[in-house]
Amino acid sequence: MRTASADLLAVRTITVDGSDVYLRVTASPVDLAIRWSREGDLRVAGSPVLFRAGDRSRRLLGTNFRAGTTFCLDVVGEAGDWCGVVDWNV
């Protein structure tokens, strides 16, 4: 499992076939809708997952990614300042 809490919108690479991607928002003053998207192609993306302000639950963003897939997180709408932890290759 790979985990990152810095630069949450950075591009990441799946290295294990069948991996899942999770996110836990640790601080946000507003509700957020976040999805995964393929690097450079927003037409290939997951459905937005709602993270309510103050809810620190880890949520599943996508499943069964192939090794070699590059993805990033995309905030749908306005975000403001927020932070969290993303896990991939899970």
PDB file of N, CA and C in Angstrom:
ATOM      1  N   MET A   1       0.853  -1.174   0.000  1.00  0.00           N
ATOM      2  CA  MET A   1       0.000   0.000   0.000  1.00  0.00           C
ATOM      3  C   MET A   1       0.895   1.233   0.000  1.00  0.00           C
ATOM      4  N   ARG A   2       0.545   2.199  -0.820  1.00  0.00           N
ATOM      5  CA  ARG A   2       1.218   3.494  -0.869  1.00  0.00           C
ATOM      6  C   ARG A   2       0.302   4.509  -0.206  1.00  0.00           C
ATOM      7  N   THR A   3       0.876   5.409   0.573  1.00  0.00           N
ATOM      8  CA  THR A   3       0.110   6.435   1.268  1.00  0.00           C
ATOM      9  C   THR A   3       0.793   7.777   1.073  1.00  0.00           C
ATOM     10  N   ALA A   4      -0.008   8.821   0.877  1.00  0.00           N
ATOM     11  CA  ALA A   4       0.546  10.172   0.770  1.00  0.00           C
ATOM     12  C   ALA A   4      -0.419  11.165   1.393  1.00  0.00           C
ATOM     13  N   SER A   5       0.149  12.146   2.076  1.00  0.00           N
ATOM     14  CA  SER A   5      -0.681  13.210   2.634  1.00  0.00           C
ATOM     15  C   SER A   5      -0.285  14.571   2.077  1.00  0.00           C
ATOM     16  N   ALA A   6       0.824  14.644   1.359  1.00  0.00           N
ATOM     17  CA  ALA A   6       1.249  15.902   0.743  1.00  0.00           C
ATOM     18  C   ALA A   6       0.864  15.902  -0.727  1.00  0.00           C
ATOM     19  N   ASP A   7       0.553  17.048  -1.262  1.00  0.00           N
ATOM     20  CA  ASP A   7       0.202  17.233  -2.672  1.00  0.00           C
ATOM     21  C   ASP A   7      -0.830  16.192  -3.123  1.00  0.00           C
ATOM     22  N   LEU A   8      -2.010  16.291  -2.569  1.00  0.00           N
ATOM     23  CA  LEU A   8      -3.060  15.300  -2.832  1.00  0.00           C
ATOM     24  C   LEU A   8      -3.530  15.263  -4.279  1.00  0.00           C
ATOM     25  N   LEU A   9      -3.262  16.317  -5.052  1.00  0.00           N
ATOM     26  CA  LEU A   9      -3.701  16.342  -6.441  1.00  0.00           C
ATOM     27  C   LEU A   9      -2.602  15.894  -7.399  1.00  0.00           C
ATOM     28  N   ALA A  10      -1.486  15.369  -6.872  1.00  0.00           N
ATOM     29  CA  ALA A  10      -0.368  14.904  -7.694  1.00  0.00           C
ATOM     30  C   ALA A  10      -0.756  13.646  -8.479  1.00  0.00           C
ATOM     31  N   VAL A  11      -0.009  13.400  -9.552  1.00  0.00           N
ATOM     32  CA  VAL A  11      -0.204  12.182 -10.346  1.00  0.00           C
ATOM     33  C   VAL A  11       0.455  11.016  -9.620  1.00  0.00           C
ATOM     34  N   ARG A  12      -0.259   9.887  -9.585  1.00  0.00           N
ATOM     35  CA  ARG A  12       0.246   8.672  -8.950  1.00  0.00           C
ATOM     36  C   ARG A  12       0.123   7.510  -9.927  1.00  0.00           C
ATOM     37  N   THR A  13       0.902   6.468  -9.689  1.00  0.00           N
ATOM     38  CA  THR A  13       0.886   5.299 -10.562  1.00  0.00           C
ATOM     39  C   THR A  13       0.540   4.055  -9.764  1.00  0.00           C
ATOM     40  N   ILE A  14      -0.414   3.306 -10.274  1.00  0.00           N
ATOM     41  CA  ILE A  14      -0.773   2.005  -9.692  1.00  0.00           C
ATOM     42  C   ILE A  14       0.307   1.001 -10.097  1.00  0.00           C
ATOM     43  N   THR A  15       0.802   0.217  -9.153  1.00  0.00           N
ATOM     44  CA  THR A  15       1.841  -0.764  -9.466  1.00  0.00           C
ATOM     45  C   THR A  15       1.388  -2.206  -9.232  1.00  0.00           C
ATOM     46  N   VAL A  16       0.204  -2.386  -8.667  1.00  0.00           N
ATOM     47  CA  VAL A  16      -0.301  -3.728  -8.362  1.00  0.00           C
ATOM     48  C   VAL A  16      -1.663  -3.914  -9.029  1.00  0.00           C
ATOM     49  N   ASP A  17      -1.776  -4.903  -9.926  1.00  0.00           N
ATOM     50  CA  ASP A  17      -3.067  -5.174 -10.582  1.00  0.00           C
ATOM     51  C   ASP A  17      -4.179  -5.394  -9.567  1.00  0.00           C
ATOM     52  N   GLY A  18      -5.361  -4.866  -9.881  1.00  0.00           N
ATOM     53  CA  GLY A  18      -6.532  -5.060  -9.035  1.00  0.00           C
ATOM     54  C   GLY A  18      -6.594  -4.125  -7.839  1.00  0.00           C
ATOM     55  N   SER A  19      -5.775  -3.089  -7.831  1.00  0.00           N
ATOM     56  CA  SER A  19      -5.697  -2.180  -6.687  1.00  0.00           C
ATOM     57  C   SER A  19      -6.904  -1.255  -6.569  1.00  0.00           C
ATOM     58  N   ASP A  20      -7.121  -0.778  -5.352  1.00  0.00           N
ATOM     59  CA  ASP A  20      -8.168   0.184  -5.043  1.00  0.00           C
ATOM     60  C   ASP A  20      -7.524   1.499  -4.602  1.00  0.00           C
ATOM     61  N   VAL A  21      -8.305   2.577  -4.668  1.00  0.00           N
ATOM     62  CA  VAL A  21      -7.848   3.897  -4.233  1.00  0.00           C
ATOM     63  C   VAL A  21      -8.827   4.413  -3.181  1.00  0.00           C
ATOM     64  N   TYR A  22      -8.283   4.869  -2.051  1.00  0.00           N
ATOM     65  CA  TYR A  22      -9.075   5.394  -0.938  1.00  0.00           C
ATOM     66  C   TYR A  22      -8.607   6.796  -0.592  1.00  0.00           C
ATOM     67  N   LEU A  23      -9.501   7.585   0.000  1.00  0.00           N
ATOM     68  CA  LEU A  23      -9.153   8.913   0.485  1.00  0.00           C
ATOM     69  C   LEU A  23      -9.832   9.134   1.831  1.00  0.00           C
ATOM     70  N   ARG A  24      -9.084   9.759   2.738  1.00  0.00           N
ATOM     71  CA  ARG A  24      -9.640  10.219   4.010  1.00  0.00           C
ATOM     72  C   ARG A  24      -9.336  11.702   4.101  1.00  0.00           C
ATOM     73  N   VAL A  25     -10.360  12.529   4.126  1.00  0.00           N
ATOM     74  CA  VAL A  25     -10.185  13.973   4.288  1.00  0.00           C
ATOM     75  C   VAL A  25     -10.038  14.236   5.785  1.00  0.00           C
ATOM     76  N   THR A  26      -8.907  14.816   6.167  1.00  0.00           N
ATOM     77  CA  THR A  26      -8.642  15.034   7.587  1.00  0.00           C
ATOM     78  C   THR A  26      -9.034  16.427   8.050  1.00  0.00           C
ATOM     79  N   ALA A  27      -9.180  17.374   7.118  1.00  0.00           N
ATOM     80  CA  ALA A  27      -9.617  18.721   7.486  1.00  0.00           C
ATOM     81  C   ALA A  27     -10.181  19.424   6.258  1.00  0.00           C
ATOM     82  N   SER A  28     -11.376  19.966   6.417  1.00  0.00           N
ATOM     83  CA  SER A  28     -11.997  20.768   5.368  1.00  0.00           C
ATOM     84  C   SER A  28     -13.117  21.592   5.990  1.00  0.00           C
ATOM     85  N   PRO A  29     -13.170  22.885   5.674  1.00  0.00           N
ATOM     86  CA  PRO A  29     -14.233  23.717   6.222  1.00  0.00           C
ATOM     87  C   PRO A  29     -15.560  23.556   5.471  1.00  0.00           C
ATOM     88  N   VAL A  30     -15.527  22.902   4.318  1.00  0.00           N
ATOM     89  CA  VAL A  30     -16.731  22.741   3.489  1.00  0.00           C
ATOM     90  C   VAL A  30     -16.843  21.289   3.026  1.00  0.00           C
ATOM     91  N   ASP A  31     -18.044  20.900   2.591  1.00  0.00           N
ATOM     92  CA  ASP A  31     -18.217  19.592   1.970  1.00  0.00           C
ATOM     93  C   ASP A  31     -17.428  19.553   0.666  1.00  0.00           C
ATOM     94  N   LEU A  32     -16.843  18.401   0.363  1.00  0.00           N
ATOM     95  CA  LEU A  32     -16.068  18.230  -0.864  1.00  0.00           C
ATOM     96  C   LEU A  32     -16.619  17.065  -1.671  1.00  0.00           C
ATOM     97  N   ALA A  33     -16.599  17.187  -2.984  1.00  0.00           N
ATOM     98  CA  ALA A  33     -16.886  16.080  -3.895  1.00  0.00           C
ATOM     99  C   ALA A  33     -15.586  15.808  -4.647  1.00  0.00           C
ATOM    100  N   ILE A  34     -15.031  14.603  -4.452  1.00  0.00           N
ATOM    101  CA  ILE A  34     -13.729  14.271  -5.020  1.00  0.00           C
ATOM    102  C   ILE A  34     -13.849  12.980  -5.810  1.00  0.00           C
ATOM    103  N   ARG A  35     -13.149  12.922  -6.931  1.00  0.00           N
ATOM    104  CA  ARG A  35     -13.131  11.728  -7.776  1.00  0.00           C
ATOM    105  C   ARG A  35     -11.702  11.487  -8.239  1.00  0.00           C
ATOM    106  N   TRP A  36     -11.445  10.303  -8.740  1.00  0.00           N
ATOM    107  CA  TRP A  36     -10.172  10.026  -9.390  1.00  0.00           C
ATOM    108  C   TRP A  36     -10.357  10.339 -10.871  1.00  0.00           C
ATOM    109  N   SER A  37      -9.285  10.668 -11.540  1.00  0.00           N
ATOM    110  CA  SER A  37      -9.328  10.843 -12.993  1.00  0.00           C
ATOM    111  C   SER A  37      -8.014  10.357 -13.579  1.00  0.00           C
ATOM    112  N   ARG A  38      -8.074   9.935 -14.830  1.00  0.00           N
ATOM    113  CA  ARG A  38      -6.863   9.490 -15.511  1.00  0.00           C
ATOM    114  C   ARG A  38      -6.001  10.712 -15.794  1.00  0.00           C
ATOM    115  N   GLU A  39      -4.716  10.558 -15.628  1.00  0.00           N
ATOM    116  CA  GLU A  39      -3.794  11.667 -15.878  1.00  0.00           C
ATOM    117  C   GLU A  39      -3.991  12.212 -17.293  1.00  0.00           C
ATOM    118  N   GLY A  40      -4.286  13.491 -17.382  1.00  0.00           N
ATOM    119  CA  GLY A  40      -4.406  14.158 -18.666  1.00  0.00           C
ATOM    120  C   GLY A  40      -5.704  13.929 -19.420  1.00  0.00           C
ATOM    121  N   ASP A  41      -6.652  13.182 -18.848  1.00  0.00           N
ATOM    122  CA  ASP A  41      -7.898  12.891 -19.563  1.00  0.00           C
ATOM    123  C   ASP A  41      -9.065  12.865 -18.579  1.00  0.00           C
ATOM    124  N   LEU A  42      -9.694  14.021 -18.366  1.00  0.00           N
ATOM    125  CA  LEU A  42     -10.804  14.108 -17.412  1.00  0.00           C
ATOM    126  C   LEU A  42     -12.056  13.389 -17.900  1.00  0.00           C
ATOM    127  N   ARG A  43     -12.068  12.926 -19.166  1.00  0.00           N
ATOM    128  CA  ARG A  43     -13.211  12.152 -19.647  1.00  0.00           C
ATOM    129  C   ARG A  43     -13.223  10.753 -19.040  1.00  0.00           C
ATOM    130  N   VAL A  44     -12.071  10.301 -18.551  1.00  0.00           N
ATOM    131  CA  VAL A  44     -11.973   9.002 -17.883  1.00  0.00           C
ATOM    132  C   VAL A  44     -11.815   9.287 -16.399  1.00  0.00           C
ATOM    133  N   ALA A  45     -12.913   9.141 -15.673  1.00  0.00           N
ATOM    134  CA  ALA A  45     -12.902   9.503 -14.253  1.00  0.00           C
ATOM    135  C   ALA A  45     -13.970   8.719 -13.506  1.00  0.00           C
ATOM    136  N   GLY A  46     -13.785   8.629 -12.205  1.00  0.00           N
ATOM    137  CA  GLY A  46     -14.778   7.990 -11.360  1.00  0.00           C
ATOM    138  C   GLY A  46     -15.889   8.959 -11.000  1.00  0.00           C
ATOM    139  N   SER A  47     -16.910   8.437 -10.394  1.00  0.00           N
ATOM    140  CA  SER A  47     -18.005   9.277  -9.903  1.00  0.00           C
ATOM    141  C   SER A  47     -17.539  10.047  -8.676  1.00  0.00           C
ATOM    142  N   PRO A  48     -17.981  11.288  -8.516  1.00  0.00           N
ATOM    143  CA  PRO A  48     -17.594  12.054  -7.323  1.00  0.00           C
ATOM    144  C   PRO A  48     -18.106  11.388  -6.045  1.00  0.00           C
ATOM    145  N   VAL A  49     -17.258  11.396  -5.035  1.00  0.00           N
ATOM    146  CA  VAL A  49     -17.595  10.867  -3.714  1.00  0.00           C
ATOM    147  C   VAL A  49     -17.681  12.052  -2.766  1.00  0.00           C
ATOM    148  N   LEU A  50     -18.773  12.139  -2.017  1.00  0.00           N
ATOM    149  CA  LEU A  50     -18.998  13.268  -1.114  1.00  0.00           C
ATOM    150  C   LEU A  50     -18.290  13.042   0.218  1.00  0.00           C
ATOM    151  N   PHE A  51     -17.523  14.033   0.617  1.00  0.00           N
ATOM    152  CA  PHE A  51     -16.864  14.066   1.914  1.00  0.00           C
ATOM    153  C   PHE A  51     -17.434  15.264   2.663  1.00  0.00           C
ATOM    154  N   ARG A  52     -18.248  15.017   3.659  1.00  0.00           N
ATOM    155  CA  ARG A  52     -18.857  16.095   4.440  1.00  0.00           C
ATOM    156  C   ARG A  52     -17.813  16.736   5.356  1.00  0.00           C
ATOM    157  N   ALA A  53     -17.901  18.037   5.530  1.00  0.00           N
ATOM    158  CA  ALA A  53     -16.982  18.748   6.424  1.00  0.00           C
ATOM    159  C   ALA A  53     -17.029  18.106   7.809  1.00  0.00           C
ATOM    160  N   GLY A  54     -15.871  17.809   8.355  1.00  0.00           N
ATOM    161  CA  GLY A  54     -15.794  17.215   9.686  1.00  0.00           C
ATOM    162  C   GLY A  54     -15.839  15.696   9.713  1.00  0.00           C
ATOM    163  N   ASP A  55     -16.244  15.042   8.631  1.00  0.00           N
ATOM    164  CA  ASP A  55     -16.276  13.579   8.572  1.00  0.00           C
ATOM    165  C   ASP A  55     -14.900  13.090   8.137  1.00  0.00           C
ATOM    166  N   ARG A  56     -14.247  12.321   8.967  1.00  0.00           N
ATOM    167  CA  ARG A  56     -12.883  11.863   8.684  1.00  0.00           C
ATOM    168  C   ARG A  56     -12.833  10.393   8.269  1.00  0.00           C
ATOM    169  N   SER A  57     -13.931   9.876   7.764  1.00  0.00           N
ATOM    170  CA  SER A  57     -13.979   8.476   7.329  1.00  0.00           C
ATOM    171  C   SER A  57     -13.166   8.281   6.056  1.00  0.00           C
ATOM    172  N   ARG A  58     -12.511   7.136   5.968  1.00  0.00           N
ATOM    173  CA  ARG A  58     -11.818   6.764   4.729  1.00  0.00           C
ATOM    174  C   ARG A  58     -12.858   6.228   3.760  1.00  0.00           C
ATOM    175  N   ARG A  59     -12.851   6.736   2.530  1.00  0.00           N
ATOM    176  CA  ARG A  59     -13.849   6.343   1.533  1.00  0.00           C
ATOM    177  C   ARG A  59     -13.172   5.807   0.279  1.00  0.00           C
ATOM    178  N   LEU A  60     -13.826   4.846  -0.339  1.00  0.00           N
ATOM    179  CA  LEU A  60     -13.352   4.234  -1.574  1.00  0.00           C
ATOM    180  C   LEU A  60     -13.649   5.153  -2.753  1.00  0.00           C
ATOM    181  N   LEU A  61     -12.622   5.457  -3.556  1.00  0.00           N
ATOM    182  CA  LEU A  61     -12.808   6.290  -4.749  1.00  0.00           C
ATOM    183  C   LEU A  61     -12.874   5.464  -6.031  1.00  0.00           C
ATOM    184  N   GLY A  62     -12.182   4.331  -6.062  1.00  0.00           N
ATOM    185  CA  GLY A  62     -12.174   3.508  -7.269  1.00  0.00           C
ATOM    186  C   GLY A  62     -11.599   2.138  -6.981  1.00  0.00           C
ATOM    187  N   THR A  63     -11.966   1.166  -7.811  1.00  0.00           N
ATOM    188  CA  THR A  63     -11.548  -0.219  -7.577  1.00  0.00           C
ATOM    189  C   THR A  63     -10.969  -0.850  -8.839  1.00  0.00           C
ATOM    190  N   ASN A  64     -10.189  -1.899  -8.618  1.00  0.00           N
ATOM    191  CA  ASN A  64      -9.714  -2.801  -9.664  1.00  0.00           C
ATOM    192  C   ASN A  64      -8.915  -2.101 -10.765  1.00  0.00           C
ATOM    193  N   PHE A  65      -7.999  -1.224 -10.369  1.00  0.00           N
ATOM    194  CA  PHE A  65      -7.134  -0.556 -11.338  1.00  0.00           C
ATOM    195  C   PHE A  65      -6.048  -1.508 -11.819  1.00  0.00           C
ATOM    196  N   ARG A  66      -5.645  -1.350 -13.062  1.00  0.00           N
ATOM    197  CA  ARG A  66      -4.550  -2.139 -13.625  1.00  0.00           C
ATOM    198  C   ARG A  66      -3.211  -1.514 -13.251  1.00  0.00           C
ATOM    199  N   ALA A  67      -2.197  -2.367 -13.113  1.00  0.00           N
ATOM    200  CA  ALA A  67      -0.840  -1.869 -12.900  1.00  0.00           C
ATOM    201  C   ALA A  67      -0.460  -0.983 -14.086  1.00  0.00           C
ATOM    202  N   GLY A  68       0.205   0.118 -13.804  1.00  0.00           N
ATOM    203  CA  GLY A  68       0.603   1.060 -14.842  1.00  0.00           C
ATOM    204  C   GLY A  68      -0.367   2.205 -15.043  1.00  0.00           C
ATOM    205  N   THR A  69      -1.555   2.118 -14.452  1.00  0.00           N
ATOM    206  CA  THR A  69      -2.531   3.200 -14.558  1.00  0.00           C
ATOM    207  C   THR A  69      -2.020   4.420 -13.796  1.00  0.00           C
ATOM    208  N   THR A  70      -2.055   5.577 -14.436  1.00  0.00           N
ATOM    209  CA  THR A  70      -1.717   6.818 -13.751  1.00  0.00           C
ATOM    210  C   THR A  70      -3.013   7.568 -13.480  1.00  0.00           C
ATOM    211  N   PHE A  71      -3.123   8.091 -12.272  1.00  0.00           N
ATOM    212  CA  PHE A  71      -4.346   8.785 -11.875  1.00  0.00           C
ATOM    213  C   PHE A  71      -4.010   9.967 -10.994  1.00  0.00           C
ATOM    214  N   CYS A  72      -4.972  10.845 -10.843  1.00  0.00           N
ATOM    215  CA  CYS A  72      -4.865  11.940  -9.887  1.00  0.00           C
ATOM    216  C   CYS A  72      -6.245  12.156  -9.278  1.00  0.00           C
ATOM    217  N   LEU A  73      -6.307  12.951  -8.234  1.00  0.00           N
ATOM    218  CA  LEU A  73      -7.574  13.290  -7.610  1.00  0.00           C
ATOM    219  C   LEU A  73      -8.053  14.609  -8.181  1.00  0.00           C
ATOM    220  N   ASP A  74      -9.348  14.751  -8.289  1.00  0.00           N
ATOM    221  CA  ASP A  74      -9.960  15.927  -8.885  1.00  0.00           C
ATOM    222  C   ASP A  74     -11.100  16.374  -7.976  1.00  0.00           C
ATOM    223  N   VAL A  75     -11.034  17.627  -7.514  1.00  0.00           N
ATOM    224  CA  VAL A  75     -12.107  18.174  -6.701  1.00  0.00           C
ATOM    225  C   VAL A  75     -13.154  18.758  -7.643  1.00  0.00           C
ATOM    226  N   VAL A  76     -14.401  18.310  -7.484  1.00  0.00           N
ATOM    227  CA  VAL A  76     -15.503  18.795  -8.316  1.00  0.00           C
ATOM    228  C   VAL A  76     -16.106  20.006  -7.607  1.00  0.00           C
ATOM    229  N   GLY A  77     -16.027  21.178  -8.216  1.00  0.00           N
ATOM    230  CA  GLY A  77     -16.519  22.396  -7.588  1.00  0.00           C
ATOM    231  C   GLY A  77     -15.421  23.092  -6.806  1.00  0.00           C
ATOM    232  N   GLU A  78     -15.826  23.992  -5.936  1.00  0.00           N
ATOM    233  CA  GLU A  78     -14.864  24.755  -5.150  1.00  0.00           C
ATOM    234  C   GLU A  78     -14.431  23.970  -3.924  1.00  0.00           C
ATOM    235  N   ALA A  79     -13.147  24.107  -3.577  1.00  0.00           N
ATOM    236  CA  ALA A  79     -12.619  23.303  -2.490  1.00  0.00           C
ATOM    237  C   ALA A  79     -12.141  24.119  -1.302  1.00  0.00           C
ATOM    238  N   GLY A  80     -11.510  25.239  -1.524  1.00  0.00           N
ATOM    239  CA  GLY A  80     -10.884  25.949  -0.417  1.00  0.00           C
ATOM    240  C   GLY A  80      -9.675  25.157   0.069  1.00  0.00           C
ATOM    241  N   ASP A  81      -9.250  25.412   1.291  1.00  0.00           N
ATOM    242  CA  ASP A  81      -8.110  24.690   1.861  1.00  0.00           C
ATOM    243  C   ASP A  81      -8.590  23.403   2.511  1.00  0.00           C
ATOM    244  N   TRP A  82      -7.976  22.285   2.124  1.00  0.00           N
ATOM    245  CA  TRP A  82      -8.316  21.001   2.713  1.00  0.00           C
ATOM    246  C   TRP A  82      -7.077  20.137   2.723  1.00  0.00           C
ATOM    247  N   CYS A  83      -7.106  19.099   3.534  1.00  0.00           N
ATOM    248  CA  CYS A  83      -6.007  18.139   3.544  1.00  0.00           C
ATOM    249  C   CYS A  83      -6.576  16.761   3.834  1.00  0.00           C
ATOM    250  N   GLY A  84      -5.758  15.748   3.564  1.00  0.00           N
ATOM    251  CA  GLY A  84      -6.216  14.391   3.745  1.00  0.00           C
ATOM    252  C   GLY A  84      -5.104  13.394   3.490  1.00  0.00           C
ATOM    253  N   VAL A  85      -5.489  12.131   3.375  1.00  0.00           N
ATOM    254  CA  VAL A  85      -4.556  11.037   3.138  1.00  0.00           C
ATOM    255  C   VAL A  85      -5.123  10.163   2.035  1.00  0.00           C
ATOM    256  N   VAL A  86      -4.337   9.927   0.986  1.00  0.00           N
ATOM    257  CA  VAL A  86      -4.741   9.056  -0.106  1.00  0.00           C
ATOM    258  C   VAL A  86      -3.958   7.754  -0.016  1.00  0.00           C
ATOM    259  N   ASP A  87      -4.644   6.624  -0.171  1.00  0.00           N
ATOM    260  CA  ASP A  87      -4.024   5.295  -0.188  1.00  0.00           C
ATOM    261  C   ASP A  87      -4.304   4.661  -1.537  1.00  0.00           C
ATOM    262  N   TRP A  88      -3.273   4.076  -2.145  1.00  0.00           N
ATOM    263  CA  TRP A  88      -3.468   3.350  -3.409  1.00  0.00           C
ATOM    264  C   TRP A  88      -2.597   2.104  -3.375  1.00  0.00           C
ATOM    265  N   ASN A  89      -2.779   1.226  -4.363  1.00  0.00           N
ATOM    266  CA  ASN A  89      -2.178  -0.108  -4.372  1.00  0.00           C
ATOM    267  C   ASN A  89      -2.683  -0.934  -3.181  1.00  0.00           C
ATOM    268  N   VAL A  90      -3.925  -0.708  -2.805  1.00  0.00           N
ATOM    269  CA  VAL A  90      -4.542  -1.411  -1.674  1.00  0.00           C
ATOM    270  C   VAL A  90      -5.264  -2.630  -2.199  1.00  0.00           C
TER     271      VAL A  90
END
